[in-house]
Amino acid sequence: MISCKNMLPCQSREAFVTVTSCRGGIMDGYLRHPRLEGKAVRIQSLAQLILTLDALVELESCPGSPLPLVAREEGGGDRKAAFRIQILFREHYTWQGKLVWQDENQEAVFRSVLELIQLIDEILAE
């Protein structure tokens, strides 16, 4: 049984992902997060995206005041899709949160990392 005391909500568990291409299930793009201080990290796979997000959230551990939210990127540019990922609760790889597909103004709730991966994969396959 999962203990609720270990599942802490945190307002700054939010990242912005821009996918520039996706071919044969391999994505390319970048990730922005408040911990990166305005810099973007290049992402070349869904696995790398999840591991990078996990490392960023692990650093956080909900210290004192929340970090600022990442500003939405304006303009289409050379991108295929843009997502805002909000991780509301996390214990190991049981994440609960919301995926907002910025381009289509749609959002979906996920209850695990696997469900998040499936959502992103379905959107990129369209």
N, C-alpha and C. Protein backbone atom coordinates (compact mmCIF):
# COMPACT_ATOMS: atom_id res chain seq x y z
N MET A 1 0.84 -1.19 0.00
CA MET A 1 0.00 0.00 0.00
C MET A 1 0.88 1.25 0.00
N ILE A 2 0.51 2.23 -0.78
CA ILE A 2 1.27 3.48 -0.90
C ILE A 2 0.87 4.41 0.23
N SER A 3 1.86 4.95 0.89
CA SER A 3 1.62 5.88 1.99
C SER A 3 1.39 7.28 1.44
N CYS A 4 0.31 7.92 1.83
CA CYS A 4 -0.01 9.28 1.35
C CYS A 4 0.99 10.31 1.82
N LYS A 5 1.65 10.05 2.98
CA LYS A 5 2.60 11.05 3.49
C LYS A 5 3.81 11.21 2.57
N ASN A 6 4.10 10.21 1.73
CA ASN A 6 5.22 10.29 0.81
C ASN A 6 4.86 10.96 -0.50
N MET A 7 3.59 11.16 -0.76
CA MET A 7 3.15 11.75 -2.02
C MET A 7 2.83 13.23 -1.80
N LEU A 8 3.82 14.06 -2.01
CA LEU A 8 3.68 15.48 -1.73
C LEU A 8 3.31 16.26 -2.98
N PRO A 9 2.27 17.10 -2.92
CA PRO A 9 1.98 17.95 -4.07
C PRO A 9 2.99 19.09 -4.15
N CYS A 10 3.22 19.58 -5.34
CA CYS A 10 4.15 20.69 -5.50
C CYS A 10 3.79 21.49 -6.73
N GLN A 11 3.64 22.79 -6.59
CA GLN A 11 3.17 23.63 -7.68
C GLN A 11 4.19 23.83 -8.78
N SER A 12 5.47 23.62 -8.53
CA SER A 12 6.47 23.92 -9.55
C SER A 12 6.94 22.68 -10.31
N ARG A 13 6.21 21.61 -10.22
CA ARG A 13 6.55 20.41 -10.97
C ARG A 13 5.94 20.50 -12.36
N GLU A 14 6.44 21.44 -13.12
CA GLU A 14 5.88 21.68 -14.44
C GLU A 14 7.02 21.88 -15.42
N ALA A 15 6.89 21.25 -16.58
CA ALA A 15 7.90 21.38 -17.63
C ALA A 15 7.20 21.66 -18.94
N PHE A 16 7.94 22.27 -19.85
CA PHE A 16 7.42 22.55 -21.18
C PHE A 16 8.29 21.79 -22.17
N VAL A 17 7.65 20.96 -22.99
CA VAL A 17 8.36 20.12 -23.96
C VAL A 17 7.97 20.55 -25.36
N THR A 18 8.96 20.81 -26.19
CA THR A 18 8.72 21.13 -27.59
C THR A 18 9.32 20.00 -28.43
N VAL A 19 8.48 19.38 -29.25
CA VAL A 19 8.92 18.30 -30.13
C VAL A 19 9.08 18.90 -31.52
N THR A 20 10.29 18.79 -32.08
CA THR A 20 10.55 19.36 -33.39
C THR A 20 10.37 18.33 -34.51
N SER A 21 10.57 17.06 -34.18
CA SER A 21 10.35 16.00 -35.17
C SER A 21 10.09 14.68 -34.46
N CYS A 22 9.43 13.80 -35.19
CA CYS A 22 9.17 12.46 -34.68
C CYS A 22 9.08 11.53 -35.87
N ARG A 23 10.05 10.65 -35.99
CA ARG A 23 10.09 9.69 -37.11
C ARG A 23 10.32 8.29 -36.56
N GLY A 24 9.47 7.37 -36.96
CA GLY A 24 9.62 5.99 -36.52
C GLY A 24 9.60 5.82 -35.02
N GLY A 25 8.84 6.67 -34.34
CA GLY A 25 8.74 6.58 -32.89
C GLY A 25 9.87 7.25 -32.13
N ILE A 26 10.83 7.84 -32.85
CA ILE A 26 11.95 8.53 -32.20
C ILE A 26 11.68 10.03 -32.28
N MET A 27 11.60 10.66 -31.13
CA MET A 27 11.32 12.09 -31.09
C MET A 27 12.59 12.90 -30.91
N ASP A 28 12.52 14.14 -31.33
CA ASP A 28 13.61 15.09 -31.16
C ASP A 28 12.98 16.40 -30.71
N GLY A 29 13.60 17.07 -29.78
CA GLY A 29 13.06 18.33 -29.31
C GLY A 29 13.84 18.82 -28.10
N TYR A 30 13.16 19.59 -27.26
CA TYR A 30 13.83 20.08 -26.07
C TYR A 30 12.84 20.28 -24.92
N LEU A 31 13.40 20.33 -23.72
CA LEU A 31 12.64 20.44 -22.48
C LEU A 31 13.08 21.69 -21.74
N ARG A 32 12.11 22.44 -21.23
CA ARG A 32 12.41 23.59 -20.37
C ARG A 32 11.73 23.36 -19.03
N HIS A 33 12.43 23.72 -17.95
CA HIS A 33 11.95 23.52 -16.59
C HIS A 33 12.54 24.63 -15.72
N PRO A 34 11.85 25.05 -14.67
CA PRO A 34 12.38 26.12 -13.82
C PRO A 34 13.78 25.84 -13.27
N ARG A 35 14.10 24.60 -12.99
CA ARG A 35 15.43 24.25 -12.47
C ARG A 35 16.55 24.49 -13.50
N LEU A 36 16.19 24.60 -14.76
CA LEU A 36 17.20 24.79 -15.80
C LEU A 36 17.54 26.26 -16.04
N GLU A 37 16.90 27.15 -15.27
CA GLU A 37 17.19 28.59 -15.29
C GLU A 37 17.15 29.18 -16.69
N GLY A 38 16.09 28.89 -17.42
CA GLY A 38 15.89 29.47 -18.74
C GLY A 38 16.56 28.73 -19.88
N LYS A 39 17.37 27.75 -19.57
CA LYS A 39 18.03 26.97 -20.62
C LYS A 39 17.15 25.80 -21.02
N ALA A 40 17.33 25.32 -22.24
CA ALA A 40 16.58 24.16 -22.72
C ALA A 40 17.53 22.98 -22.84
N VAL A 41 17.02 21.79 -22.51
CA VAL A 41 17.78 20.56 -22.63
C VAL A 41 17.28 19.82 -23.86
N ARG A 42 18.18 19.38 -24.71
CA ARG A 42 17.78 18.63 -25.91
C ARG A 42 17.31 17.24 -25.50
N ILE A 43 16.19 16.83 -26.08
CA ILE A 43 15.59 15.53 -25.80
C ILE A 43 15.54 14.75 -27.11
N GLN A 44 16.02 13.50 -27.09
CA GLN A 44 16.05 12.70 -28.31
C GLN A 44 15.27 11.40 -28.21
N SER A 45 14.53 11.23 -27.12
CA SER A 45 13.67 10.05 -26.99
C SER A 45 12.69 10.26 -25.83
N LEU A 46 11.62 9.48 -25.84
CA LEU A 46 10.67 9.54 -24.73
C LEU A 46 11.34 9.08 -23.43
N ALA A 47 12.20 8.08 -23.52
CA ALA A 47 12.90 7.59 -22.33
C ALA A 47 13.77 8.69 -21.73
N GLN A 48 14.49 9.41 -22.58
CA GLN A 48 15.32 10.51 -22.09
C GLN A 48 14.46 11.60 -21.45
N LEU A 49 13.31 11.88 -22.05
CA LEU A 49 12.39 12.87 -21.49
C LEU A 49 11.97 12.49 -20.08
N ILE A 50 11.55 11.24 -19.90
CA ILE A 50 11.08 10.78 -18.59
C ILE A 50 12.21 10.79 -17.56
N LEU A 51 13.39 10.31 -17.94
CA LEU A 51 14.52 10.28 -17.01
C LEU A 51 14.96 11.70 -16.63
N THR A 52 14.94 12.62 -17.57
CA THR A 52 15.31 14.01 -17.28
C THR A 52 14.29 14.65 -16.35
N LEU A 53 12.99 14.44 -16.64
CA LEU A 53 11.95 14.96 -15.75
C LEU A 53 12.08 14.39 -14.34
N ASP A 54 12.35 13.10 -14.25
CA ASP A 54 12.49 12.46 -12.95
C ASP A 54 13.65 13.08 -12.17
N ALA A 55 14.78 13.30 -12.84
CA ALA A 55 15.94 13.91 -12.17
C ALA A 55 15.63 15.33 -11.70
N LEU A 56 14.90 16.09 -12.52
CA LEU A 56 14.56 17.46 -12.14
C LEU A 56 13.60 17.49 -10.95
N VAL A 57 12.63 16.62 -10.96
CA VAL A 57 11.67 16.58 -9.85
C VAL A 57 12.35 16.05 -8.59
N GLU A 58 13.28 15.12 -8.74
CA GLU A 58 14.03 14.59 -7.60
C GLU A 58 14.84 15.69 -6.91
N LEU A 59 15.41 16.60 -7.70
CA LEU A 59 16.17 17.73 -7.15
C LEU A 59 15.28 18.64 -6.31
N GLU A 60 14.04 18.72 -6.71
CA GLU A 60 13.12 19.67 -6.11
C GLU A 60 12.75 19.32 -4.68
N SER A 61 12.19 18.14 -4.47
CA SER A 61 11.73 17.69 -3.16
C SER A 61 10.90 18.74 -2.44
N CYS A 62 10.21 19.58 -3.22
CA CYS A 62 9.31 20.61 -2.69
C CYS A 62 9.95 21.52 -1.65
N PRO A 63 11.06 22.18 -1.96
CA PRO A 63 11.69 23.07 -0.97
C PRO A 63 10.91 24.37 -0.83
N GLY A 64 10.86 24.90 0.36
CA GLY A 64 10.28 26.21 0.66
C GLY A 64 9.27 26.75 -0.32
N SER A 65 9.64 27.81 -1.00
CA SER A 65 8.71 28.44 -1.94
C SER A 65 8.81 27.78 -3.31
N PRO A 66 7.69 27.69 -4.03
CA PRO A 66 7.71 27.04 -5.34
C PRO A 66 8.50 27.84 -6.37
N LEU A 67 9.05 27.12 -7.32
CA LEU A 67 9.78 27.75 -8.42
C LEU A 67 8.78 28.41 -9.37
N PRO A 68 9.23 29.37 -10.16
CA PRO A 68 8.32 30.00 -11.13
C PRO A 68 7.95 29.00 -12.23
N LEU A 69 6.78 29.20 -12.83
CA LEU A 69 6.35 28.34 -13.92
C LEU A 69 7.13 28.70 -15.18
N VAL A 70 7.25 27.74 -16.07
CA VAL A 70 7.93 27.98 -17.34
C VAL A 70 6.96 28.70 -18.26
N ALA A 71 7.41 29.80 -18.85
CA ALA A 71 6.55 30.56 -19.75
C ALA A 71 6.26 29.76 -21.01
N ARG A 72 5.04 29.87 -21.50
CA ARG A 72 4.65 29.19 -22.72
C ARG A 72 5.42 29.78 -23.89
N GLU A 73 5.90 28.91 -24.74
CA GLU A 73 6.64 29.34 -25.92
C GLU A 73 5.64 29.79 -26.98
N GLU A 74 5.86 30.94 -27.54
CA GLU A 74 4.95 31.48 -28.56
C GLU A 74 5.45 31.13 -29.95
N GLY A 75 4.53 31.07 -30.89
CA GLY A 75 4.89 30.83 -32.28
C GLY A 75 5.09 29.36 -32.59
N GLY A 76 4.81 28.98 -33.82
CA GLY A 76 4.91 27.59 -34.24
C GLY A 76 6.33 27.17 -34.56
N GLY A 77 7.07 28.02 -35.25
CA GLY A 77 8.44 27.68 -35.63
C GLY A 77 8.51 26.35 -36.36
N ASP A 78 9.56 25.60 -36.11
CA ASP A 78 9.74 24.30 -36.74
C ASP A 78 9.34 23.18 -35.80
N ARG A 79 8.26 23.34 -35.11
CA ARG A 79 7.89 22.31 -34.15
C ARG A 79 6.72 21.48 -34.62
N LYS A 80 6.69 20.26 -34.14
CA LYS A 80 5.61 19.33 -34.44
C LYS A 80 4.53 19.42 -33.37
N ALA A 81 4.95 19.56 -32.11
CA ALA A 81 4.00 19.62 -30.99
C ALA A 81 4.66 20.29 -29.79
N ALA A 82 3.83 20.84 -28.93
CA ALA A 82 4.31 21.44 -27.69
C ALA A 82 3.41 20.98 -26.55
N PHE A 83 4.04 20.56 -25.45
CA PHE A 83 3.31 20.04 -24.31
C PHE A 83 3.73 20.73 -23.03
N ARG A 84 2.79 20.90 -22.15
CA ARG A 84 3.07 21.31 -20.78
C ARG A 84 2.77 20.08 -19.92
N ILE A 85 3.76 19.62 -19.19
CA ILE A 85 3.59 18.45 -18.33
C ILE A 85 3.60 18.93 -16.88
N GLN A 86 2.50 18.67 -16.18
CA GLN A 86 2.38 19.06 -14.78
C GLN A 86 2.33 17.79 -13.93
N ILE A 87 3.36 17.59 -13.12
CA ILE A 87 3.40 16.43 -12.24
C ILE A 87 2.87 16.89 -10.88
N LEU A 88 1.69 16.41 -10.52
CA LEU A 88 1.04 16.85 -9.29
C LEU A 88 1.48 16.02 -8.10
N PHE A 89 1.61 14.71 -8.28
CA PHE A 89 2.06 13.82 -7.21
C PHE A 89 3.04 12.84 -7.80
N ARG A 90 4.01 12.41 -7.00
CA ARG A 90 5.02 11.48 -7.49
C ARG A 90 5.53 10.64 -6.35
N GLU A 91 5.55 9.36 -6.57
CA GLU A 91 6.26 8.44 -5.68
C GLU A 91 6.87 7.38 -6.58
N HIS A 92 8.19 7.38 -6.68
CA HIS A 92 8.92 6.51 -7.61
C HIS A 92 8.43 6.81 -9.03
N TYR A 93 7.93 5.82 -9.75
CA TYR A 93 7.45 6.06 -11.10
C TYR A 93 5.93 6.03 -11.17
N THR A 94 5.30 6.23 -10.05
CA THR A 94 3.85 6.40 -10.03
C THR A 94 3.61 7.90 -9.96
N TRP A 95 3.45 8.48 -11.13
CA TRP A 95 3.22 9.92 -11.23
C TRP A 95 1.76 10.15 -11.56
N GLN A 96 1.21 11.18 -10.99
CA GLN A 96 -0.12 11.64 -11.38
C GLN A 96 0.02 13.09 -11.79
N GLY A 97 -0.66 13.42 -12.87
CA GLY A 97 -0.56 14.80 -13.31
C GLY A 97 -1.41 15.07 -14.54
N LYS A 98 -1.01 16.11 -15.25
CA LYS A 98 -1.79 16.55 -16.39
C LYS A 98 -0.83 16.85 -17.55
N LEU A 99 -1.23 16.39 -18.74
CA LEU A 99 -0.52 16.69 -19.96
C LEU A 99 -1.39 17.66 -20.76
N VAL A 100 -0.86 18.83 -21.06
CA VAL A 100 -1.59 19.82 -21.84
C VAL A 100 -0.91 19.92 -23.20
N TRP A 101 -1.67 19.58 -24.24
CA TRP A 101 -1.18 19.69 -25.62
C TRP A 101 -1.49 21.11 -26.06
N GLN A 102 -0.47 21.97 -26.04
CA GLN A 102 -0.62 23.40 -26.27
C GLN A 102 -1.20 23.71 -27.65
N ASP A 103 -0.76 22.99 -28.69
CA ASP A 103 -1.17 23.30 -30.06
C ASP A 103 -2.66 23.09 -30.30
N GLU A 104 -3.22 22.10 -29.65
CA GLU A 104 -4.63 21.77 -29.85
C GLU A 104 -5.50 22.20 -28.67
N ASN A 105 -4.89 22.83 -27.69
CA ASN A 105 -5.60 23.28 -26.50
C ASN A 105 -6.41 22.13 -25.86
N GLN A 106 -5.76 20.95 -25.76
CA GLN A 106 -6.38 19.78 -25.15
C GLN A 106 -5.54 19.35 -23.96
N GLU A 107 -6.19 18.72 -22.99
CA GLU A 107 -5.45 18.21 -21.86
C GLU A 107 -5.97 16.84 -21.47
N ALA A 108 -5.08 16.06 -20.86
CA ALA A 108 -5.43 14.72 -20.40
C ALA A 108 -4.74 14.49 -19.07
N VAL A 109 -5.40 13.76 -18.22
CA VAL A 109 -4.86 13.40 -16.91
C VAL A 109 -4.15 12.06 -17.06
N PHE A 110 -2.97 11.93 -16.43
CA PHE A 110 -2.28 10.64 -16.42
C PHE A 110 -2.10 10.18 -14.98
N ARG A 111 -2.09 8.86 -14.81
CA ARG A 111 -1.98 8.26 -13.47
C ARG A 111 -0.69 7.48 -13.27
N SER A 112 0.16 7.48 -14.29
CA SER A 112 1.45 6.79 -14.18
C SER A 112 2.37 7.30 -15.29
N VAL A 113 3.64 6.99 -15.16
CA VAL A 113 4.60 7.36 -16.20
C VAL A 113 4.26 6.64 -17.50
N LEU A 114 3.86 5.38 -17.40
CA LEU A 114 3.51 4.63 -18.60
C LEU A 114 2.34 5.28 -19.33
N GLU A 115 1.34 5.74 -18.59
CA GLU A 115 0.20 6.41 -19.21
C GLU A 115 0.63 7.72 -19.86
N LEU A 116 1.55 8.45 -19.24
CA LEU A 116 2.09 9.69 -19.83
C LEU A 116 2.81 9.38 -21.14
N ILE A 117 3.63 8.34 -21.15
CA ILE A 117 4.34 7.94 -22.37
C ILE A 117 3.34 7.58 -23.46
N GLN A 118 2.31 6.83 -23.12
CA GLN A 118 1.32 6.44 -24.12
C GLN A 118 0.59 7.65 -24.69
N LEU A 119 0.26 8.62 -23.85
CA LEU A 119 -0.43 9.83 -24.32
C LEU A 119 0.45 10.59 -25.31
N ILE A 120 1.71 10.81 -24.95
CA ILE A 120 2.60 11.55 -25.84
C ILE A 120 2.81 10.78 -27.14
N ASP A 121 2.99 9.47 -27.04
CA ASP A 121 3.19 8.64 -28.23
C ASP A 121 1.99 8.71 -29.17
N GLU A 122 0.78 8.66 -28.62
CA GLU A 122 -0.44 8.74 -29.44
C GLU A 122 -0.53 10.09 -30.15
N ILE A 123 -0.22 11.16 -29.45
CA ILE A 123 -0.30 12.49 -30.06
C ILE A 123 0.72 12.63 -31.17
N LEU A 124 1.94 12.16 -30.94
CA LEU A 124 2.99 12.30 -31.95
C LEU A 124 2.74 11.41 -33.17
N ALA A 125 1.98 10.35 -32.99
CA ALA A 125 1.68 9.44 -34.11
C ALA A 125 0.64 10.03 -35.04
N GLU A 126 -0.13 11.01 -34.57
CA GLU A 126 -1.20 11.60 -35.40
C GLU A 126 -0.63 12.44 -36.53
